[in-house]
Amino acid sequence: MPAELDVDADDPVLVGHDWGAVAAYAADRTDPDAFDRMVAMAVPPGFEALLLEHPRQLLRSWYMWVFQLPDVPERALRWRDFALLEALWTLWSPGWEAPDERIESVTTTFRAGETAEHALEYYRDTVGAQLSSLAGDLLRLDPPSIEDVPPVRTPSLVIAGEDDGCIGPELFDHASDIIEEARVVRIQDAGHFMHREWPEVVGEEIVAYVNG
């Protein structure tokens, strides 16, 4: 029987995966006292500064740079009824075969209205600004470093997949340098969607951390 959460209502916990992890780090910068603890999955803190320390990540993040182009990403995303979505999931979690119904559910969501355009805006608004800042720093020969990343003050559990094809697991080596009180867990035989690949394993890690 899986362990159960034992959390006081006055001690809220924020849990986020991917963009949710990015939002969690932003929430900490806004108000580090808002949450008792955080759980961030699949994205480490200080991603922008880590890019230059780990150049291979620039290749892993190729889709982010492509998404900055006008018009092309929209057409690429809709090509062959959003085949790119399944391709990315396969690259990011190479050892996991996502259930057909899950892929169909995501594809159905993207078929609706302007969902594709709105999804791409995440990358254009957030990553585009980071690229402009990074380019300016490089031109001034003053690239960002780990020391420049604001500390994460909320105690945090950071979970990475050992086989993540989207975010290199080596980027999580720096999490304890940025988060004042961090526990970093790597899930073996798991990719970017570790919480779907190994829900019981990830769930137990989260429950143990929160209860502890």
Protein backbone atom coordinates (compact mmCIF):
# COMPACT_ATOMS: atom_id res chain seq x y z
CA MET A 1 0.00 0.00 0.00
CA PRO A 2 1.54 3.36 -0.97
CA ALA A 3 2.44 5.83 1.75
CA GLU A 4 0.04 8.67 2.41
CA LEU A 5 0.72 12.37 2.66
CA ASP A 6 0.67 13.84 6.13
CA VAL A 7 0.58 17.57 5.45
CA ASP A 8 -0.85 20.33 7.59
CA ALA A 9 -3.16 22.67 5.69
CA ASP A 10 -1.07 25.58 6.98
CA ASP A 11 2.07 24.18 5.37
CA PRO A 12 1.32 24.20 1.61
CA VAL A 13 3.55 22.27 -0.79
CA LEU A 14 4.05 23.28 -4.42
CA VAL A 15 4.67 20.48 -6.94
CA GLY A 16 5.56 21.21 -10.57
CA HIS A 17 6.85 19.34 -13.62
CA ASP A 18 8.73 20.99 -16.51
CA TRP A 19 7.05 24.39 -16.96
CA GLY A 20 5.54 23.76 -13.55
CA ALA A 21 9.05 23.50 -12.10
CA VAL A 22 9.99 26.78 -13.79
CA ALA A 23 6.88 28.35 -12.25
CA ALA A 24 7.86 26.97 -8.83
CA TYR A 25 11.28 28.64 -8.96
CA ALA A 26 9.58 31.88 -10.02
CA ALA A 27 7.12 31.56 -7.12
CA ASP A 28 10.04 31.26 -4.71
CA ARG A 29 11.60 34.45 -6.09
CA THR A 30 8.26 36.22 -5.64
CA ASP A 31 7.60 35.00 -2.11
CA PRO A 32 9.88 32.37 -0.54
CA ASP A 33 7.54 32.06 2.44
CA ALA A 34 4.47 31.17 0.38
CA PHE A 35 5.20 27.44 0.50
CA ASP A 36 6.58 25.18 3.18
CA ARG A 37 8.32 22.99 0.57
CA MET A 38 8.51 22.54 -3.18
CA VAL A 39 8.94 19.60 -5.52
CA ALA A 40 10.40 20.44 -8.93
CA MET A 41 10.60 17.73 -11.60
CA ALA A 42 12.54 17.57 -14.89
CA VAL A 43 13.94 21.14 -14.94
CA PRO A 44 16.79 22.33 -12.70
CA PRO A 45 17.07 25.83 -11.26
CA GLY A 46 19.31 28.26 -13.16
CA PHE A 47 18.73 26.67 -16.56
CA GLU A 48 19.92 29.70 -18.54
CA ALA A 49 23.24 29.92 -16.70
CA LEU A 50 23.76 26.16 -17.07
CA LEU A 51 23.55 26.27 -20.87
CA LEU A 52 27.09 27.56 -21.30
CA GLU A 53 28.47 25.22 -18.65
CA HIS A 54 26.91 22.29 -20.49
CA PRO A 55 27.02 23.06 -24.25
CA ARG A 56 25.45 19.70 -25.10
CA GLN A 57 22.24 21.05 -23.63
CA LEU A 58 22.13 23.61 -26.44
CA LEU A 59 21.67 20.67 -28.82
CA ARG A 60 19.09 18.97 -26.62
CA SER A 61 17.10 22.20 -26.59
CA TRP A 62 17.07 22.59 -30.39
CA TYR A 63 13.27 22.80 -30.47
CA MET A 64 13.34 25.92 -28.26
CA TRP A 65 15.48 27.77 -30.78
CA VAL A 66 13.32 26.58 -33.72
CA PHE A 67 10.21 27.80 -31.89
CA GLN A 68 11.57 31.36 -32.04
CA LEU A 69 11.19 31.46 -35.84
CA PRO A 70 8.08 33.10 -37.34
CA ASP A 71 5.42 30.83 -38.92
CA VAL A 72 7.68 27.76 -39.27
CA PRO A 73 6.94 26.29 -35.82
CA GLU A 74 3.17 26.48 -36.34
CA ARG A 75 3.45 24.54 -39.60
CA ALA A 76 5.93 22.05 -38.16
CA LEU A 77 3.72 21.43 -35.14
CA ARG A 78 0.65 20.72 -37.31
CA TRP A 79 2.54 18.58 -39.82
CA ARG A 80 0.99 15.11 -40.18
CA ASP A 81 -1.55 15.81 -37.46
CA PHE A 82 0.93 16.89 -34.79
CA ALA A 83 3.36 14.01 -35.33
CA LEU A 84 6.08 16.19 -33.76
CA LEU A 85 4.44 15.84 -30.35
CA GLU A 86 4.87 12.08 -30.26
CA ALA A 87 8.39 12.40 -31.71
CA LEU A 88 9.41 14.77 -28.92
CA TRP A 89 7.92 12.53 -26.25
CA THR A 90 9.90 9.61 -27.68
CA LEU A 91 13.14 11.62 -27.68
CA TRP A 92 12.59 12.88 -24.18
CA SER A 93 11.58 9.57 -22.60
CA PRO A 94 13.32 7.01 -24.84
CA GLY A 95 12.58 4.01 -22.63
CA TRP A 96 8.87 4.70 -22.32
CA GLU A 97 6.13 4.03 -24.83
CA ALA A 98 3.42 6.54 -24.06
CA PRO A 99 -0.07 4.99 -24.15
CA ASP A 100 -1.91 5.67 -27.39
CA GLU A 101 -4.81 7.21 -25.51
CA ARG A 102 -2.45 9.68 -23.84
CA ILE A 103 -0.94 10.76 -27.17
CA GLU A 104 -4.40 11.08 -28.67
CA SER A 105 -5.56 13.18 -25.71
CA VAL A 106 -2.69 15.62 -26.15
CA THR A 107 -3.13 15.74 -29.92
CA THR A 108 -6.86 16.41 -29.54
CA THR A 109 -6.06 19.33 -27.23
CA PHE A 110 -3.67 20.82 -29.77
CA ARG A 111 -6.17 20.48 -32.61
CA ALA A 112 -8.57 22.83 -30.82
CA GLY A 113 -8.61 26.50 -31.79
CA GLU A 114 -5.31 28.30 -31.39
CA THR A 115 -3.85 25.97 -28.77
CA ALA A 116 -0.70 25.42 -30.84
CA GLU A 117 -0.05 29.15 -31.18
CA HIS A 118 -0.61 29.73 -27.48
CA ALA A 119 1.73 26.86 -26.54
CA LEU A 120 4.49 28.31 -28.72
CA GLU A 121 4.10 31.68 -27.01
CA TYR A 122 5.47 30.13 -23.82
CA TYR A 123 8.77 29.64 -25.62
CA ARG A 124 8.73 32.93 -27.49
CA ASP A 125 7.91 35.03 -24.43
CA THR A 126 10.17 33.23 -21.97
CA VAL A 127 12.99 31.62 -23.92
CA GLY A 128 13.15 34.44 -26.46
CA ALA A 129 13.82 36.94 -23.70
CA GLN A 130 16.47 34.66 -22.22
CA LEU A 131 18.17 34.31 -25.60
CA SER A 132 18.30 38.07 -26.07
CA SER A 133 19.79 38.47 -22.61
CA LEU A 134 22.27 35.65 -23.19
CA ALA A 135 23.34 37.08 -26.56
CA GLY A 136 23.95 40.46 -24.95
CA ASP A 137 26.02 38.89 -22.20
CA LEU A 138 28.13 37.00 -24.73
CA LEU A 139 28.76 40.14 -26.78
CA ARG A 140 29.98 41.81 -23.59
CA LEU A 141 32.05 38.70 -22.80
CA ASP A 142 30.11 38.50 -19.55
CA PRO A 143 28.11 35.25 -19.74
CA PRO A 144 25.90 34.31 -16.76
CA SER A 145 27.29 31.80 -14.28
CA ILE A 146 25.92 29.75 -11.41
CA GLU A 147 27.04 32.45 -9.00
CA ASP A 148 24.68 34.90 -10.71
CA VAL A 149 21.57 32.77 -10.20
CA PRO A 150 19.34 34.01 -7.36
CA PRO A 151 19.13 31.37 -4.63
CA VAL A 152 16.01 29.28 -4.18
CA ARG A 153 15.13 29.71 -0.53
CA THR A 154 12.21 27.28 -0.25
CA PRO A 155 13.34 23.77 0.79
CA SER A 156 12.99 21.71 -2.37
CA LEU A 157 13.02 18.18 -3.69
CA VAL A 158 14.36 18.12 -7.25
CA ILE A 159 13.67 15.01 -9.34
CA ALA A 160 15.49 14.13 -12.55
CA GLY A 161 15.25 11.19 -14.95
CA GLU A 162 18.57 9.47 -15.58
CA ASP A 163 17.65 8.93 -19.25
CA ASP A 164 16.06 12.33 -19.89
CA GLY A 165 16.58 13.28 -23.53
CA CYS A 166 15.26 16.81 -23.01
CA ILE A 167 17.22 18.07 -20.00
CA GLY A 168 20.58 16.44 -19.38
CA PRO A 169 20.75 14.85 -15.90
CA GLU A 170 24.18 16.43 -15.39
CA LEU A 171 22.51 19.85 -15.13
CA PHE A 172 20.99 18.76 -11.83
CA ASP A 173 24.45 18.45 -10.28
CA HIS A 174 24.24 22.18 -9.58
CA ALA A 175 20.84 22.18 -7.87
CA SER A 176 22.34 22.11 -4.38
CA ASP A 177 24.49 25.12 -5.27
CA ILE A 178 21.39 27.18 -6.03
CA ILE A 179 18.77 25.80 -3.65
CA GLU A 180 19.61 26.57 -0.04
CA GLU A 181 18.08 23.33 1.23
CA ALA A 182 17.85 20.75 -1.55
CA ARG A 183 17.36 17.04 -1.98
CA VAL A 184 18.16 15.82 -5.49
CA VAL A 185 16.81 12.44 -6.63
CA ARG A 186 17.57 10.76 -9.95
CA ILE A 187 15.12 8.11 -11.12
CA GLN A 188 16.88 5.27 -12.92
CA ASP A 189 15.49 4.05 -16.26
CA ALA A 190 13.32 7.15 -16.44
CA GLY A 191 13.18 10.00 -18.92
CA HIS A 192 11.57 13.42 -18.92
CA PHE A 193 8.12 12.15 -17.91
CA MET A 194 9.33 10.20 -14.89
CA HIS A 195 6.10 10.74 -12.98
CA ARG A 196 4.18 8.91 -15.72
CA GLU A 197 6.84 6.29 -16.40
CA TRP A 198 7.31 5.34 -12.74
CA PRO A 199 4.37 6.92 -10.86
CA GLU A 200 4.75 4.77 -7.74
CA VAL A 201 8.50 5.41 -7.45
CA VAL A 202 8.13 9.15 -7.95
CA GLY A 203 5.08 9.25 -5.70
CA GLU A 204 6.93 7.51 -2.89
CA GLU A 205 9.83 9.98 -3.18
CA ILE A 206 7.47 12.93 -2.96
CA VAL A 207 5.49 11.50 -0.05
CA ALA A 208 8.65 10.63 1.88
CA TYR A 209 10.07 14.11 1.33
CA VAL A 210 6.90 15.97 2.25
CA ASN A 211 6.22 13.81 5.31
CA GLY A 212 9.83 14.08 6.39
